[in-house]
């Protein structure tokens, strides 16, 4: 039985795909589709951040800066310069990756709270630039973002299916696109984790000194994963901008960076499924607490604090350990 459990665990991407594409059958209200799409977008973002935090053990408190940079690059390029949205998204990811490489090389030499402060400063700089360049970004008031279109078809009508005589509502189309992007993000992340890069990152997380001793180029690998996680954030930031149609500098702010880190820690570091669960919980919990009005923030904080005390490894690892122990006992301890 335990072997079957392990086999299921190895096929979690298939399980995730089934969950993602079954959910639309259970929803009818566009509001729920909108919320679910936001969850999928932010989940794909933290899957990339998990590579940096969960596997390499490098803290980033300014990651929302890359998310906002990707969003605003796409917004400005498509609205002010009439770039095709897909081209803007790709160029934004390349620019953000380059910026991450340039700033990552020096700051990733730092450790502990020095690294945290350096990444925090990067996020602040990006947020300040977005706020101050009001002629391009609209400043604190934000800016309108054109809808995503490809070869003349807007995503709101999902033209590819219109060719077949079908028209999928915009909220459903966006959900499906976000679901596919999440699955692609997870598959890429899992392949990286299973590659020599992933093994190098785990060795760095375990002991950077020991990793260098056995010949691991720690500076190179840390820079690589920093760039990869930033590109994840940029792409999903661009997608979010076109999805919402309006963005403000808040998406590049410190508060949003803390939300991203909390999702990783809450769901379970070094676990793609864990961070997705963290994104789901952190996005849905405020919806359930909305009825408590002025006590909402206090209750939300108490729940997070209790979770970290009683489930320090996060939701997913704790649940998997409980299932593993139960299956081990049911098989008579022979697993």
Protein backbone atom coordinates (compact mmCIF):
# COMPACT_ATOMS: atom_id res chain seq x y z
CA UNK A 1 0.00 0.00 0.00
CA UNK A 2 2.85 2.33 0.86
CA UNK A 3 4.42 1.65 -2.54
CA UNK A 4 1.18 2.68 -4.22
CA UNK A 5 1.22 5.88 -2.18
CA UNK A 6 4.73 6.66 -3.40
CA UNK A 7 3.69 5.96 -6.98
CA UNK A 8 0.78 8.38 -6.60
CA UNK A 9 3.13 10.97 -5.20
CA UNK A 10 5.35 10.71 -8.27
CA UNK A 11 2.33 11.41 -10.48
CA UNK A 12 1.17 14.48 -8.58
CA UNK A 13 1.31 16.58 -11.75
CA UNK A 14 -1.42 14.39 -13.26
CA UNK A 15 -3.43 14.72 -10.05
CA UNK A 16 -2.98 18.49 -10.17
CA UNK A 17 -4.10 18.58 -13.81
CA UNK A 18 -7.26 16.63 -12.96
CA UNK A 19 -8.05 18.98 -10.08
CA UNK A 20 -7.45 22.10 -12.18
CA UNK A 21 -9.69 20.99 -15.05
CA UNK A 22 -12.44 19.48 -12.92
CA UNK A 23 -12.96 22.65 -10.88
CA UNK A 24 -14.66 24.56 -13.77
CA UNK A 25 -17.37 21.91 -13.79
CA UNK A 26 -18.21 22.86 -10.21
CA UNK A 27 -18.34 26.64 -10.70
CA UNK A 28 -20.86 28.85 -12.44
CA UNK A 29 -20.40 32.30 -10.91
CA UNK A 30 -17.84 34.48 -12.79
CA UNK A 31 -16.61 35.77 -9.41
CA UNK A 32 -15.42 32.30 -8.46
CA UNK A 33 -13.67 31.91 -11.81
CA UNK A 34 -11.98 35.28 -11.26
CA UNK A 35 -10.78 34.25 -7.80
CA UNK A 36 -9.64 30.83 -9.02
CA UNK A 37 -7.69 32.42 -11.89
CA UNK A 38 -5.92 34.75 -9.47
CA UNK A 39 -5.00 31.73 -7.34
CA UNK A 40 -3.56 29.88 -10.35
CA UNK A 41 -1.49 32.91 -11.39
CA UNK A 42 -0.06 33.53 -7.94
CA UNK A 43 0.51 29.78 -7.44
CA UNK A 44 2.66 29.64 -10.59
CA UNK A 45 4.62 32.62 -9.24
CA UNK A 46 5.40 30.96 -5.90
CA UNK A 47 6.35 27.71 -7.66
CA UNK A 48 9.25 29.70 -9.12
CA UNK A 49 10.00 31.44 -5.81
CA UNK A 50 10.09 28.03 -4.12
CA UNK A 51 13.09 27.08 -6.25
CA UNK A 52 15.00 29.96 -4.70
CA UNK A 53 13.71 29.76 -1.13
CA UNK A 54 12.78 26.13 -0.65
CA UNK A 55 15.57 24.42 -2.57
CA UNK A 56 18.47 26.89 -2.60
CA UNK A 57 17.69 28.32 0.84
CA UNK A 58 18.04 31.94 -0.33
CA UNK A 59 15.53 34.43 1.07
CA UNK A 60 14.03 37.10 -1.17
CA UNK A 61 11.94 39.85 0.42
CA UNK A 62 11.66 41.87 -2.78
CA UNK A 63 10.37 39.29 -5.21
CA UNK A 64 7.18 41.24 -5.85
CA UNK A 65 9.41 43.81 -7.53
CA UNK A 66 10.10 41.38 -10.37
CA UNK A 67 6.39 40.50 -10.51
CA UNK A 68 5.47 44.18 -10.79
CA UNK A 69 8.28 44.86 -13.25
CA UNK A 70 6.95 42.20 -15.61
CA UNK A 71 3.39 43.49 -15.23
CA UNK A 72 4.30 47.13 -15.90
CA UNK A 73 6.66 46.34 -18.76
CA UNK A 74 3.86 44.50 -20.57
CA UNK A 75 1.35 47.20 -19.69
CA UNK A 76 3.51 50.07 -20.95
CA UNK A 77 4.75 48.23 -24.05
CA UNK A 78 1.25 47.27 -25.19
CA UNK A 79 -0.55 50.50 -24.29
CA UNK A 80 2.05 53.18 -25.10
CA UNK A 81 3.99 51.48 -27.89
CA UNK A 82 1.38 49.08 -29.31
CA UNK A 83 3.56 45.99 -28.92
CA UNK A 84 1.85 42.62 -29.36
CA UNK A 85 1.11 41.29 -25.83
CA UNK A 86 3.00 38.03 -26.36
CA UNK A 87 6.12 39.90 -27.55
CA UNK A 88 5.86 42.27 -24.60
CA UNK A 89 5.61 39.32 -22.20
CA UNK A 90 8.69 37.61 -23.67
CA UNK A 91 10.81 40.77 -23.75
CA UNK A 92 9.70 41.62 -20.20
CA UNK A 93 10.85 38.19 -19.00
CA UNK A 94 14.21 38.67 -20.75
CA UNK A 95 14.71 42.14 -19.26
CA UNK A 96 13.73 41.00 -15.77
CA UNK A 97 16.04 38.00 -16.09
CA UNK A 98 18.91 40.30 -17.07
CA UNK A 99 18.19 42.65 -14.15
CA UNK A 100 18.02 39.68 -11.77
CA UNK A 101 21.38 38.42 -13.06
CA UNK A 102 23.03 41.83 -12.65
CA UNK A 103 21.74 42.46 -9.11
CA UNK A 104 21.88 38.81 -8.08
CA UNK A 105 25.61 38.28 -8.55
CA UNK A 106 26.65 40.71 -5.78
CA UNK A 107 23.75 40.35 -3.33
CA UNK A 108 23.74 36.54 -3.34
CA UNK A 109 27.23 36.65 -1.83
CA UNK A 110 25.50 37.84 1.34
CA UNK A 111 23.94 35.52 3.90
CA UNK A 112 21.19 35.61 6.49
CA UNK A 113 19.56 38.91 7.32
CA UNK A 114 22.09 40.77 5.12
CA UNK A 115 20.71 38.90 2.08
CA UNK A 116 17.15 39.62 3.21
CA UNK A 117 17.87 43.35 3.48
CA UNK A 118 19.57 43.41 0.07
CA UNK A 119 16.64 41.73 -1.71
CA UNK A 120 14.28 44.01 0.18
CA UNK A 121 16.19 47.01 -1.15
CA UNK A 122 15.90 45.70 -4.73
CA UNK A 123 12.14 45.42 -4.33
CA UNK A 124 11.91 48.93 -2.87
CA UNK A 125 13.93 50.41 -5.74
CA UNK A 126 11.66 48.81 -8.36
CA UNK A 127 8.52 49.94 -6.51
CA UNK A 128 9.85 53.51 -6.20
CA UNK A 129 10.67 53.67 -9.91
CA UNK A 130 7.18 52.45 -10.81
CA UNK A 131 5.63 55.06 -8.49
CA UNK A 132 7.76 57.95 -9.75
CA UNK A 133 7.58 57.31 -13.50
CA UNK A 134 3.99 58.54 -13.59
CA UNK A 135 4.10 59.55 -17.26
CA UNK A 136 4.54 55.90 -18.24
CA UNK A 137 3.07 53.98 -15.32
CA UNK A 138 0.38 56.31 -14.06
CA UNK A 139 2.16 56.58 -10.73
CA UNK A 140 0.23 55.66 -7.57
CA UNK A 141 -3.05 55.83 -9.49
CA UNK A 142 -2.11 52.84 -11.64
CA UNK A 143 -2.78 52.27 -15.31
CA UNK A 144 -5.14 50.47 -17.65
CA UNK A 145 -3.77 47.41 -19.44
CA UNK A 146 -5.01 46.37 -22.92
CA UNK A 147 -6.57 42.89 -23.20
CA UNK A 148 -4.32 40.01 -24.24
CA UNK A 149 -4.62 39.26 -27.93
CA UNK A 150 -2.89 36.80 -30.24
CA UNK A 151 -3.07 37.02 -34.05
CA UNK A 152 -5.99 39.41 -33.78
CA UNK A 153 -8.02 37.31 -31.32
CA UNK A 154 -8.63 38.61 -27.84
CA UNK A 155 -8.47 36.14 -25.00
CA UNK A 156 -11.87 37.32 -23.80
CA UNK A 157 -13.48 35.40 -26.68
CA UNK A 158 -10.77 32.72 -26.99
CA UNK A 159 -10.67 32.93 -30.78
CA UNK A 160 -9.00 29.55 -31.25
CA UNK A 161 -12.19 27.86 -30.16
CA UNK A 162 -14.37 30.33 -32.03
CA UNK A 163 -12.90 28.87 -35.22
CA UNK A 164 -14.62 25.61 -34.29
CA UNK A 165 -17.95 27.32 -33.84
CA UNK A 166 -17.63 27.57 -30.05
CA UNK A 167 -17.24 30.66 -27.91
CA UNK A 168 -15.90 30.27 -24.39
CA UNK A 169 -16.76 33.07 -21.93
CA UNK A 170 -13.82 35.28 -21.01
CA UNK A 171 -13.70 34.22 -17.35
CA UNK A 172 -13.58 30.55 -18.33
CA UNK A 173 -10.96 31.16 -21.02
CA UNK A 174 -8.69 32.99 -18.60
CA UNK A 175 -9.08 30.22 -16.03
CA UNK A 176 -8.06 27.57 -18.57
CA UNK A 177 -5.04 29.57 -19.72
CA UNK A 178 -3.93 30.17 -16.13
CA UNK A 179 -4.41 26.47 -15.37
CA UNK A 180 -2.21 25.45 -18.28
CA UNK A 181 0.45 27.98 -17.25
CA UNK A 182 0.47 26.57 -13.70
CA UNK A 183 0.93 23.02 -14.98
CA UNK A 184 3.76 24.14 -17.28
CA UNK A 185 5.37 26.01 -14.37
CA UNK A 186 5.20 22.92 -12.15
CA UNK A 187 6.55 20.58 -14.87
CA UNK A 188 9.49 22.90 -15.58
CA UNK A 189 10.20 23.30 -11.86
CA UNK A 190 10.09 19.54 -11.29
CA UNK A 191 12.47 18.92 -14.17
CA UNK A 192 14.85 21.52 -12.75
CA UNK A 193 14.61 19.92 -9.32
CA UNK A 194 15.49 16.50 -10.76
CA UNK A 195 18.36 17.92 -12.85
CA UNK A 196 21.98 18.56 -11.80
CA UNK A 197 20.86 22.13 -11.01
CA UNK A 198 18.37 20.82 -8.46
CA UNK A 199 20.96 18.59 -6.82
CA UNK A 200 23.38 21.52 -6.64
CA UNK A 201 20.71 23.72 -5.05
CA UNK A 202 19.93 21.10 -2.42
CA UNK A 203 23.62 20.78 -1.59
CA UNK A 204 23.87 24.58 -1.23
CA UNK A 205 20.84 24.59 1.04
CA UNK A 206 22.34 21.84 3.16
CA UNK A 207 25.79 23.41 3.53
CA UNK A 208 27.24 25.96 1.15
CA UNK A 209 30.75 25.36 2.46
CA UNK A 210 30.47 21.61 1.91
CA UNK A 211 29.05 22.22 -1.57
CA UNK A 212 32.02 24.38 -2.53
CA UNK A 213 34.36 21.77 -1.11
CA UNK A 214 33.06 19.12 -3.51
CA UNK A 215 33.33 21.46 -6.49
CA UNK A 216 29.89 23.06 -6.75
CA UNK A 217 30.06 26.57 -8.21
CA UNK A 218 27.71 28.01 -5.59
CA UNK A 219 27.76 31.59 -6.92
CA UNK A 220 26.79 30.44 -10.42
CA UNK A 221 23.98 28.15 -9.28
CA UNK A 222 22.52 30.69 -6.87
CA UNK A 223 22.52 33.31 -9.61
CA UNK A 224 20.86 30.87 -12.01
CA UNK A 225 18.01 30.02 -9.66
CA UNK A 226 17.57 33.70 -8.76
CA UNK A 227 17.15 34.52 -12.45
CA UNK A 228 14.78 31.59 -13.01
CA UNK A 229 12.55 32.57 -10.09
CA UNK A 230 12.53 36.20 -11.30
CA UNK A 231 11.51 35.12 -14.82
CA UNK A 232 8.66 33.07 -13.32
CA UNK A 233 7.51 36.19 -11.48
CA UNK A 234 7.82 38.41 -14.56
CA UNK A 235 5.81 36.10 -16.82
CA UNK A 236 3.00 35.67 -14.31
CA UNK A 237 3.06 39.41 -13.56
CA UNK A 238 2.51 40.10 -17.25
CA UNK A 239 -0.32 37.56 -17.36
CA UNK A 240 -1.90 39.11 -14.26
CA UNK A 241 -1.74 42.60 -15.79
CA UNK A 242 -3.64 41.54 -18.90
CA UNK A 243 -6.07 39.46 -16.87
CA UNK A 244 -7.11 42.25 -14.49
CA UNK A 245 -6.91 45.04 -17.09
CA UNK A 246 -5.71 47.48 -14.44
CA UNK A 247 -2.64 47.48 -12.19
CA UNK A 248 -1.23 49.65 -9.40
CA UNK A 249 2.24 49.83 -7.83
CA UNK A 250 0.92 47.77 -4.90
CA UNK A 251 1.72 44.57 -6.82
CA UNK A 252 5.42 45.45 -6.63
CA UNK A 253 5.37 46.50 -2.98
CA UNK A 254 6.87 45.00 0.16
CA UNK A 255 3.51 43.73 1.41
CA UNK A 256 3.06 41.61 -1.70
CA UNK A 257 6.58 40.19 -1.34
CA UNK A 258 5.69 39.09 2.19
CA UNK A 259 2.53 37.44 0.88
CA UNK A 260 4.58 35.45 -1.64
CA UNK A 261 7.09 34.31 1.00
CA UNK A 262 4.28 33.40 3.39
CA UNK A 263 2.66 31.20 0.74
CA UNK A 264 5.91 29.28 0.31
CA UNK A 265 6.49 28.81 4.05
CA UNK A 266 2.86 28.13 4.91
CA UNK A 267 2.35 25.50 2.20
CA UNK A 268 5.69 23.78 2.69
CA UNK A 269 9.10 24.74 1.36
CA UNK A 270 10.82 22.50 -1.18
CA UNK A 271 7.44 21.16 -2.28
CA UNK A 272 5.74 22.39 -5.49
CA UNK A 273 2.38 21.01 -4.36
CA UNK A 274 2.92 22.55 -0.95
CA UNK A 275 3.42 26.09 -2.20
CA UNK A 276 0.37 25.73 -4.45
CA UNK A 277 -1.64 24.72 -1.39
CA UNK A 278 -0.20 27.72 0.44
CA UNK A 279 -1.36 30.01 -2.35
CA UNK A 280 -4.85 28.51 -2.26
CA UNK A 281 -5.17 28.86 1.53
CA UNK A 282 -3.79 32.38 1.70
CA UNK A 283 -6.06 33.62 -1.10
CA UNK A 284 -9.21 31.88 0.15
CA UNK A 285 -8.86 32.49 3.88
CA UNK A 286 -9.66 36.24 3.68
CA UNK A 287 -12.84 35.34 1.77
CA UNK A 288 -14.02 33.14 4.63
CA UNK A 289 -13.06 35.73 7.25
CA UNK A 290 -14.73 38.67 5.51
CA UNK A 291 -17.81 38.35 7.74
CA UNK A 292 -15.79 39.08 10.90
CA UNK A 293 -15.25 42.69 9.80
CA UNK A 294 -12.81 44.47 12.16
CA UNK A 295 -11.60 41.17 13.63
CA UNK A 296 -10.62 39.75 10.25
CA UNK A 297 -6.95 40.78 10.39
CA UNK A 298 -6.50 39.57 13.98
CA UNK A 299 -8.08 36.18 13.24
CA UNK A 300 -6.06 35.84 10.06
CA UNK A 301 -2.83 36.52 11.96
CA UNK A 302 -3.78 34.09 14.73
CA UNK A 303 -4.46 31.30 12.19
CA UNK A 304 -1.09 31.86 10.52
CA UNK A 305 0.69 31.91 13.88
CA UNK A 306 -1.02 28.72 15.04
CA UNK A 307 -0.18 27.02 11.74
CA UNK A 308 3.51 27.82 12.10
CA UNK A 309 3.52 26.58 15.72
CA UNK A 310 1.72 23.28 15.16
CA UNK A 311 2.76 22.66 11.52
CA UNK A 312 6.24 24.22 11.23
CA UNK A 313 7.02 22.28 8.04
CA UNK A 314 3.90 23.61 6.32
CA UNK A 315 0.53 22.21 5.32
CA UNK A 316 1.55 19.76 2.63
CA UNK A 317 4.58 18.07 4.26
CA UNK A 318 2.61 17.69 7.50
CA UNK A 319 -0.33 16.11 5.69
CA UNK A 320 1.92 13.80 3.66
CA UNK A 321 3.76 12.67 6.78
CA UNK A 322 0.45 11.89 8.47
CA UNK A 323 -0.73 9.87 5.45
CA UNK A 324 2.62 8.08 5.22
CA UNK A 325 2.50 7.13 8.90
CA UNK A 326 -1.07 5.93 8.61
CA UNK A 327 -0.30 3.81 5.54
CA UNK A 328 2.82 2.45 7.24
CA UNK A 329 0.83 1.36 10.26
CA UNK A 330 -1.95 -0.16 8.14
CA UNK A 331 0.61 -2.28 6.30
CA UNK A 332 1.94 -3.67 9.54
CA UNK A 333 5.16 -1.62 9.48
CA UNK A 334 6.52 -3.55 6.48
CA UNK A 335 6.49 -0.53 4.06
